[in-house]
PDB file of N, CA and C in Angstrom:
ATOM      1  N   MET A   1       0.847  -1.176   0.000  1.00  0.00           N
ATOM      2  CA  MET A   1       0.000   0.000   0.000  1.00  0.00           C
ATOM      3  C   MET A   1       0.892   1.239   0.000  1.00  0.00           C
ATOM      4  N   PRO A   2       0.668   2.161  -0.916  1.00  0.00           N
ATOM      5  CA  PRO A   2       1.493   3.364  -0.985  1.00  0.00           C
ATOM      6  C   PRO A   2       1.242   4.280   0.186  1.00  0.00           C
ATOM      7  N   ASP A   3       2.341   4.934   0.628  1.00  0.00           N
ATOM      8  CA  ASP A   3       2.158   5.925   1.689  1.00  0.00           C
ATOM      9  C   ASP A   3       2.032   7.304   1.053  1.00  0.00           C
ATOM     10  N   ALA A   4       2.087   8.342   1.854  1.00  0.00           N
ATOM     11  CA  ALA A   4       1.869   9.703   1.354  1.00  0.00           C
ATOM     12  C   ALA A   4       2.982  10.164   0.430  1.00  0.00           C
ATOM     13  N   ASN A   5       4.206   9.580   0.562  1.00  0.00           N
ATOM     14  CA  ASN A   5       5.344  10.026  -0.233  1.00  0.00           C
ATOM     15  C   ASN A   5       5.509   9.277  -1.554  1.00  0.00           C
ATOM     16  N   GLY A   6       4.849   8.175  -1.736  1.00  0.00           N
ATOM     17  CA  GLY A   6       5.005   7.440  -2.984  1.00  0.00           C
ATOM     18  C   GLY A   6       4.659   5.981  -2.819  1.00  0.00           C
ATOM     19  N   SER A   7       5.061   5.182  -3.795  1.00  0.00           N
ATOM     20  CA  SER A   7       4.704   3.761  -3.810  1.00  0.00           C
ATOM     21  C   SER A   7       5.678   2.965  -2.931  1.00  0.00           C
ATOM     22  N   PRO A   8       5.245   1.811  -2.454  1.00  0.00           N
ATOM     23  CA  PRO A   8       6.132   0.975  -1.648  1.00  0.00           C
ATOM     24  C   PRO A   8       7.322   0.470  -2.463  1.00  0.00           C
ATOM     25  N   THR A   9       7.111   0.248  -3.744  1.00  0.00           N
ATOM     26  CA  THR A   9       8.206  -0.204  -4.606  1.00  0.00           C
ATOM     27  C   THR A   9       9.284   0.865  -4.686  1.00  0.00           C
ATOM     28  N   LEU A  10       8.886   2.098  -4.856  1.00  0.00           N
ATOM     29  CA  LEU A  10       9.842   3.196  -4.936  1.00  0.00           C
ATOM     30  C   LEU A  10      10.582   3.355  -3.603  1.00  0.00           C
ATOM     31  N   ASP A  11       9.898   3.168  -2.509  1.00  0.00           N
ATOM     32  CA  ASP A  11      10.546   3.243  -1.196  1.00  0.00           C
ATOM     33  C   ASP A  11      11.604   2.146  -1.041  1.00  0.00           C
ATOM     34  N   ARG A  12      11.278   0.942  -1.479  1.00  0.00           N
ATOM     35  CA  ARG A  12      12.238  -0.162  -1.393  1.00  0.00           C
ATOM     36  C   ARG A  12      13.450   0.111  -2.271  1.00  0.00           C
ATOM     37  N   ILE A  13      13.218   0.652  -3.438  1.00  0.00           N
ATOM     38  CA  ILE A  13      14.325   0.978  -4.343  1.00  0.00           C
ATOM     39  C   ILE A  13      15.207   2.059  -3.730  1.00  0.00           C
ATOM     40  N   GLU A  14      14.607   3.065  -3.146  1.00  0.00           N
ATOM     41  CA  GLU A  14      15.388   4.139  -2.516  1.00  0.00           C
ATOM     42  C   GLU A  14      16.224   3.608  -1.352  1.00  0.00           C
ATOM     43  N   ARG A  15      15.643   2.711  -0.545  1.00  0.00           N
ATOM     44  CA  ARG A  15      16.400   2.123   0.569  1.00  0.00           C
ATOM     45  C   ARG A  15      17.560   1.282   0.053  1.00  0.00           C
ATOM     46  N   ALA A  16      17.333   0.547  -1.020  1.00  0.00           N
ATOM     47  CA  ALA A  16      18.406  -0.263  -1.595  1.00  0.00           C
ATOM     48  C   ALA A  16      19.520   0.619  -2.138  1.00  0.00           C
ATOM     49  N   LEU A  17      19.161   1.724  -2.760  1.00  0.00           N
ATOM     50  CA  LEU A  17      20.169   2.631  -3.315  1.00  0.00           C
ATOM     51  C   LEU A  17      21.002   3.303  -2.228  1.00  0.00           C
ATOM     52  N   GLU A  18      20.464   3.443  -1.039  1.00  0.00           N
ATOM     53  CA  GLU A  18      21.217   4.024   0.064  1.00  0.00           C
ATOM     54  C   GLU A  18      22.378   3.127   0.484  1.00  0.00           C
ATOM     55  N   PHE A  19      22.237   1.831   0.317  1.00  0.00           N
ATOM     56  CA  PHE A  19      23.280   0.883   0.720  1.00  0.00           C
ATOM     57  C   PHE A  19      24.384   0.732  -0.322  1.00  0.00           C
ATOM     58  N   LEU A  20      24.114   1.086  -1.573  1.00  0.00           N
ATOM     59  CA  LEU A  20      25.086   0.848  -2.634  1.00  0.00           C
ATOM     60  C   LEU A  20      26.434   1.537  -2.438  1.00  0.00           C
ATOM     61  N   PRO A  21      26.505   2.804  -2.082  1.00  0.00           N
ATOM     62  CA  PRO A  21      27.829   3.424  -1.922  1.00  0.00           C
ATOM     63  C   PRO A  21      28.679   2.736  -0.856  1.00  0.00           C
ATOM     64  N   ASN A  22      28.086   2.402   0.271  1.00  0.00           N
ATOM     65  CA  ASN A  22      28.821   1.701   1.330  1.00  0.00           C
ATOM     66  C   ASN A  22      29.237   0.304   0.885  1.00  0.00           C
ATOM     67  N   TYR A  23      28.362  -0.358   0.183  1.00  0.00           N
ATOM     68  CA  TYR A  23      28.662  -1.699  -0.302  1.00  0.00           C
ATOM     69  C   TYR A  23      29.823  -1.653  -1.291  1.00  0.00           C
ATOM     70  N   ARG A  24      29.835  -0.652  -2.140  1.00  0.00           N
ATOM     71  CA  ARG A  24      30.898  -0.518  -3.133  1.00  0.00           C
ATOM     72  C   ARG A  24      32.256  -0.281  -2.453  1.00  0.00           C
ATOM     73  N   VAL A  25      32.292   0.565  -1.442  1.00  0.00           N
ATOM     74  CA  VAL A  25      33.532   0.821  -0.710  1.00  0.00           C
ATOM     75  C   VAL A  25      33.988  -0.456  -0.007  1.00  0.00           C
ATOM     76  N   GLN A  26      33.081  -1.144   0.627  1.00  0.00           N
ATOM     77  CA  GLN A  26      33.417  -2.383   1.326  1.00  0.00           C
ATOM     78  C   GLN A  26      33.921  -3.434   0.331  1.00  0.00           C
ATOM     79  N   PHE A  27      33.281  -3.526  -0.823  1.00  0.00           N
ATOM     80  CA  PHE A  27      33.704  -4.481  -1.850  1.00  0.00           C
ATOM     81  C   PHE A  27      35.117  -4.163  -2.330  1.00  0.00           C
ATOM     82  N   ARG A  28      35.421  -2.891  -2.544  1.00  0.00           N
ATOM     83  CA  ARG A  28      36.763  -2.502  -2.994  1.00  0.00           C
ATOM     84  C   ARG A  28      37.828  -2.887  -1.965  1.00  0.00           C
ATOM     85  N   GLU A  29      37.554  -2.648  -0.685  1.00  0.00           N
ATOM     86  CA  GLU A  29      38.503  -2.988   0.362  1.00  0.00           C
ATOM     87  C   GLU A  29      38.719  -4.503   0.435  1.00  0.00           C
ATOM     88  N   GLU A  30      37.643  -5.247   0.384  1.00  0.00           N
ATOM     89  CA  GLU A  30      37.762  -6.702   0.425  1.00  0.00           C
ATOM     90  C   GLU A  30      38.484  -7.220  -0.818  1.00  0.00           C
ATOM     91  N   HIS A  31      38.265  -6.584  -1.945  1.00  0.00           N
ATOM     92  CA  HIS A  31      38.929  -6.981  -3.178  1.00  0.00           C
ATOM     93  C   HIS A  31      40.439  -6.735  -3.072  1.00  0.00           C
ATOM     94  N   LYS A  32      40.841  -5.627  -2.470  1.00  0.00           N
ATOM     95  CA  LYS A  32      42.272  -5.351  -2.262  1.00  0.00           C
ATOM     96  C   LYS A  32      42.917  -6.419  -1.386  1.00  0.00           C
ATOM     97  N   VAL A  33      42.230  -6.794  -0.325  1.00  0.00           N
ATOM     98  CA  VAL A  33      42.748  -7.822   0.572  1.00  0.00           C
ATOM     99  C   VAL A  33      42.871  -9.150  -0.169  1.00  0.00           C
ATOM    100  N   LEU A  34      41.873  -9.467  -0.959  1.00  0.00           N
ATOM    101  CA  LEU A  34      41.894 -10.705  -1.729  1.00  0.00           C
ATOM    102  C   LEU A  34      43.047 -10.711  -2.729  1.00  0.00           C
ATOM    103  N   LEU A  35      43.273  -9.611  -3.410  1.00  0.00           N
ATOM    104  CA  LEU A  35      44.376  -9.533  -4.373  1.00  0.00           C
ATOM    105  C   LEU A  35      45.731  -9.673  -3.689  1.00  0.00           C
ATOM    106  N   ALA A  36      45.873  -9.060  -2.529  1.00  0.00           N
ATOM    107  CA  ALA A  36      47.131  -9.181  -1.784  1.00  0.00           C
ATOM    108  C   ALA A  36      47.352 -10.631  -1.347  1.00  0.00           C
ATOM    109  N   ALA A  37      46.313 -11.274  -0.872  1.00  0.00           N
ATOM    110  CA  ALA A  37      46.425 -12.672  -0.455  1.00  0.00           C
ATOM    111  C   ALA A  37      46.754 -13.559  -1.652  1.00  0.00           C
ATOM    112  N   GLN A  38      46.149 -13.268  -2.783  1.00  0.00           N
ATOM    113  CA  GLN A  38      46.420 -14.055  -3.986  1.00  0.00           C
ATOM    114  C   GLN A  38      47.873 -13.883  -4.427  1.00  0.00           C
ATOM    115  N   ALA A  39      48.384 -12.672  -4.358  1.00  0.00           N
ATOM    116  CA  ALA A  39      49.777 -12.419  -4.737  1.00  0.00           C
ATOM    117  C   ALA A  39      50.732 -13.156  -3.796  1.00  0.00           C
ATOM    118  N   ALA A  40      50.448 -13.116  -2.508  1.00  0.00           N
ATOM    119  CA  ALA A  40      51.293 -13.808  -1.530  1.00  0.00           C
ATOM    120  C   ALA A  40      51.241 -15.318  -1.754  1.00  0.00           C
ATOM    121  N   LEU A  41      50.064 -15.836  -2.003  1.00  0.00           N
ATOM    122  CA  LEU A  41      49.901 -17.269  -2.234  1.00  0.00           C
ATOM    123  C   LEU A  41      50.633 -17.697  -3.504  1.00  0.00           C
ATOM    124  N   THR A  42      50.543 -16.905  -4.550  1.00  0.00           N
ATOM    125  CA  THR A  42      51.233 -17.214  -5.801  1.00  0.00           C
ATOM    126  C   THR A  42      52.741 -17.214  -5.593  1.00  0.00           C
ATOM    127  N   ASP A  43      53.239 -16.244  -4.842  1.00  0.00           N
ATOM    128  CA  ASP A  43      54.661 -16.174  -4.563  1.00  0.00           C
ATOM    129  C   ASP A  43      55.129 -17.411  -3.802  1.00  0.00           C
ATOM    130  N   ARG A  44      54.396 -17.783  -2.768  1.00  0.00           N
ATOM    131  CA  ARG A  44      54.759 -18.961  -1.976  1.00  0.00           C
ATOM    132  C   ARG A  44      54.690 -20.238  -2.811  1.00  0.00           C
ATOM    133  N   LEU A  45      53.689 -20.327  -3.674  1.00  0.00           N
ATOM    134  CA  LEU A  45      53.555 -21.501  -4.528  1.00  0.00           C
ATOM    135  C   LEU A  45      54.718 -21.585  -5.511  1.00  0.00           C
ATOM    136  N   ASN A  46      55.141 -20.459  -6.061  1.00  0.00           N
ATOM    137  CA  ASN A  46      56.292 -20.447  -6.970  1.00  0.00           C
ATOM    138  C   ASN A  46      57.566 -20.886  -6.253  1.00  0.00           C
ATOM    139  N   LYS A  47      57.767 -20.407  -5.022  1.00  0.00           N
ATOM    140  CA  LYS A  47      58.946 -20.808  -4.252  1.00  0.00           C
ATOM    141  C   LYS A  47      58.917 -22.302  -3.943  1.00  0.00           C
ATOM    142  N   LEU A  48      57.755 -22.797  -3.583  1.00  0.00           N
ATOM    143  CA  LEU A  48      57.619 -24.223  -3.294  1.00  0.00           C
ATOM    144  C   LEU A  48      57.888 -25.054  -4.542  1.00  0.00           C
ATOM    145  N   THR A  49      57.374 -24.609  -5.673  1.00  0.00           N
ATOM    146  CA  THR A  49      57.588 -25.320  -6.928  1.00  0.00           C
ATOM    147  C   THR A  49      59.075 -25.363  -7.272  1.00  0.00           C
ATOM    148  N   GLU A  50      59.776 -24.259  -7.061  1.00  0.00           N
ATOM    149  CA  GLU A  50      61.217 -24.235  -7.318  1.00  0.00           C
ATOM    150  C   GLU A  50      61.948 -25.249  -6.439  1.00  0.00           C
ATOM    151  N   ARG A  51      61.561 -25.322  -5.174  1.00  0.00           N
ATOM    152  CA  ARG A  51      62.220 -26.258  -4.256  1.00  0.00           C
ATOM    153  C   ARG A  51      61.928 -27.696  -4.634  1.00  0.00           C
ATOM    154  N   VAL A  52      60.706 -27.973  -5.039  1.00  0.00           N
ATOM    155  CA  VAL A  52      60.339 -29.337  -5.397  1.00  0.00           C
ATOM    156  C   VAL A  52      61.022 -29.752  -6.696  1.00  0.00           C
ATOM    157  N   ASP A  53      61.153 -28.815  -7.623  1.00  0.00           N
ATOM    158  CA  ASP A  53      61.748 -29.124  -8.923  1.00  0.00           C
ATOM    159  C   ASP A  53      63.267 -29.260  -8.876  1.00  0.00           C
ATOM    160  N   LYS A  54      63.925 -28.747  -7.823  1.00  0.00           N
ATOM    161  CA  LYS A  54      65.377 -28.874  -7.710  1.00  0.00           C
ATOM    162  C   LYS A  54      65.736 -30.333  -7.492  1.00  0.00           C
ATOM    163  N   PRO A  55      66.749 -30.806  -8.212  1.00  0.00           N
ATOM    164  CA  PRO A  55      67.173 -32.190  -7.958  1.00  0.00           C
ATOM    165  C   PRO A  55      67.867 -32.275  -6.597  1.00  0.00           C
ATOM    166  N   LEU A  56      67.649 -33.347  -5.914  1.00  0.00           N
ATOM    167  CA  LEU A  56      68.284 -33.550  -4.624  1.00  0.00           C
ATOM    168  C   LEU A  56      69.729 -33.975  -4.849  1.00  0.00           C
ATOM    169  N   ASP A  57      70.646 -33.280  -4.245  1.00  0.00           N
ATOM    170  CA  ASP A  57      72.065 -33.588  -4.422  1.00  0.00           C
ATOM    171  C   ASP A  57      72.588 -34.323  -3.192  1.00  0.00           C
ATOM    172  N   LEU A  58      71.938 -35.406  -2.876  1.00  0.00           N
ATOM    173  CA  LEU A  58      72.343 -36.192  -1.720  1.00  0.00           C
ATOM    174  C   LEU A  58      73.149 -37.409  -2.130  1.00  0.00           C
ATOM    175  N   GLY A  59      73.239 -37.668  -3.399  1.00  0.00           N
ATOM    176  CA  GLY A  59      73.885 -38.868  -3.898  1.00  0.00           C
ATOM    177  C   GLY A  59      75.308 -39.025  -3.435  1.00  0.00           C
ATOM    178  N   SER A  60      76.162 -38.047  -3.660  1.00  0.00           N
ATOM    179  CA  SER A  60      77.578 -38.190  -3.315  1.00  0.00           C
ATOM    180  C   SER A  60      77.777 -38.258  -1.802  1.00  0.00           C
ATOM    181  N   ARG A  61      77.026 -37.462  -1.060  1.00  0.00           N
ATOM    182  CA  ARG A  61      77.149 -37.516   0.407  1.00  0.00           C
ATOM    183  C   ARG A  61      76.685 -38.854   0.940  1.00  0.00           C
ATOM    184  N   SER A  62      75.579 -39.342   0.414  1.00  0.00           N
ATOM    185  CA  SER A  62      75.048 -40.630   0.863  1.00  0.00           C
ATOM    186  C   SER A  62      76.006 -41.749   0.496  1.00  0.00           C
ATOM    187  N   ASP A  63      76.562 -41.688  -0.715  1.00  0.00           N
ATOM    188  CA  ASP A  63      77.514 -42.716  -1.136  1.00  0.00           C
ATOM    189  C   ASP A  63      78.734 -42.727  -0.228  1.00  0.00           C
ATOM    190  N   ASP A  64      79.250 -41.559   0.097  1.00  0.00           N
ATOM    191  CA  ASP A  64      80.421 -41.473   0.972  1.00  0.00           C
ATOM    192  C   ASP A  64      80.122 -42.062   2.340  1.00  0.00           C
ATOM    193  N   ARG A  65      78.985 -41.753   2.869  1.00  0.00           N
ATOM    194  CA  ARG A  65      78.616 -42.268   4.192  1.00  0.00           C
ATOM    195  C   ARG A  65      78.398 -43.777   4.158  1.00  0.00           C
ATOM    196  N   LEU A  66      77.750 -44.238   3.091  1.00  0.00           N
ATOM    197  CA  LEU A  66      77.513 -45.668   2.965  1.00  0.00           C
ATOM    198  C   LEU A  66      78.832 -46.418   2.823  1.00  0.00           C
ATOM    199  N   ASN A  67      79.752 -45.880   2.039  1.00  0.00           N
ATOM    200  CA  ASN A  67      81.065 -46.514   1.890  1.00  0.00           C
ATOM    201  C   ASN A  67      81.821 -46.535   3.213  1.00  0.00           C
ATOM    202  N   ALA A  68      81.728 -45.471   3.982  1.00  0.00           N
ATOM    203  CA  ALA A  68      82.380 -45.442   5.292  1.00  0.00           C
ATOM    204  C   ALA A  68      81.786 -46.488   6.214  1.00  0.00           C
ATOM    205  N   LEU A  69      80.465 -46.641   6.192  1.00  0.00           N
ATOM    206  CA  LEU A  69      79.803 -47.643   7.018  1.00  0.00           C
ATOM    207  C   LEU A  69      80.217 -49.046   6.597  1.00  0.00           C
ATOM    208  N   ILE A  70      80.277 -49.276   5.305  1.00  0.00           N
ATOM    209  CA  ILE A  70      80.701 -50.589   4.804  1.00  0.00           C
ATOM    210  C   ILE A  70      82.121 -50.900   5.265  1.00  0.00           C
ATOM    211  N   THR A  71      82.992 -49.915   5.201  1.00  0.00           N
ATOM    212  CA  THR A  71      84.379 -50.103   5.633  1.00  0.00           C
ATOM    213  C   THR A  71      84.447 -50.468   7.115  1.00  0.00           C
ATOM    214  N   VAL A  72      83.675 -49.775   7.935  1.00  0.00           N
ATOM    215  CA  VAL A  72      83.667 -50.052   9.377  1.00  0.00           C
ATOM    216  C   VAL A  72      83.136 -51.453   9.643  1.00  0.00           C
ATOM    217  N   VAL A  73      82.002 -51.788   9.032  1.00  0.00           N
ATOM    218  CA  VAL A  73      81.411 -53.111   9.259  1.00  0.00           C
ATOM    219  C   VAL A  73      82.343 -54.193   8.738  1.00  0.00           C
ATOM    220  N   ASP A  74      82.928 -53.957   7.571  1.00  0.00           N
ATOM    221  CA  ASP A  74      83.860 -54.922   6.993  1.00  0.00           C
ATOM    222  C   ASP A  74      85.046 -55.152   7.940  1.00  0.00           C
ATOM    223  N   GLY A  75      85.561 -54.075   8.502  1.00  0.00           N
ATOM    224  CA  GLY A  75      86.668 -54.194   9.451  1.00  0.00           C
ATOM    225  C   GLY A  75      86.273 -54.975  10.685  1.00  0.00           C
ATOM    226  N   LEU A  76      85.069 -54.746  11.193  1.00  0.00           N
ATOM    227  CA  LEU A  76      84.609 -55.485  12.377  1.00  0.00           C
ATOM    228  C   LEU A  76      84.425 -56.957  12.058  1.00  0.00           C
ATOM    229  N   VAL A  77      83.877 -57.275  10.922  1.00  0.00           N
ATOM    230  CA  VAL A  77      83.651 -58.668  10.546  1.00  0.00           C
ATOM    231  C   VAL A  77      84.971 -59.383  10.350  1.00  0.00           C
ATOM    232  N   ARG A  78      85.929 -58.755   9.672  1.00  0.00           N
ATOM    233  CA  ARG A  78      87.222 -59.384   9.418  1.00  0.00           C
ATOM    234  C   ARG A  78      87.982 -59.602  10.730  1.00  0.00           C
ATOM    235  N   ARG A  79      87.828 -58.703  11.694  1.00  0.00           N
ATOM    236  CA  ARG A  79      88.507 -58.819  12.976  1.00  0.00           C
ATOM    237  C   ARG A  79      87.987 -60.029  13.762  1.00  0.00           C
ATOM    238  N   GLN A  80      86.693 -60.310  13.589  1.00  0.00           N
ATOM    239  CA  GLN A  80      86.097 -61.417  14.332  1.00  0.00           C
ATOM    240  C   GLN A  80      86.473 -62.770  13.725  1.00  0.00           C
ATOM    241  N   GLN A  81      86.927 -62.789  12.497  1.00  0.00           N
ATOM    242  CA  GLN A  81      87.246 -64.075  11.843  1.00  0.00           C
ATOM    243  C   GLN A  81      88.554 -64.576  12.235  1.00  0.00           C
TER     244      GLN A  81
END
């Protein structure tokens, strides 16, 4: 039912339009935060990808340690014979 100032539809539209400027400012702020988070996440993902893609250079160190262990065990076994 229309009131003295106009139709109920027009009143609802006017009330909705009052919220738009605040909503737009809030949306912009949230969008900035989202973009910053996305940039940080992308950076971290790129760093992680680089680390995962690097070949592990443990071969020579592991071989040296394994050879040292074999030498020690071999010496202990030969001593017991």
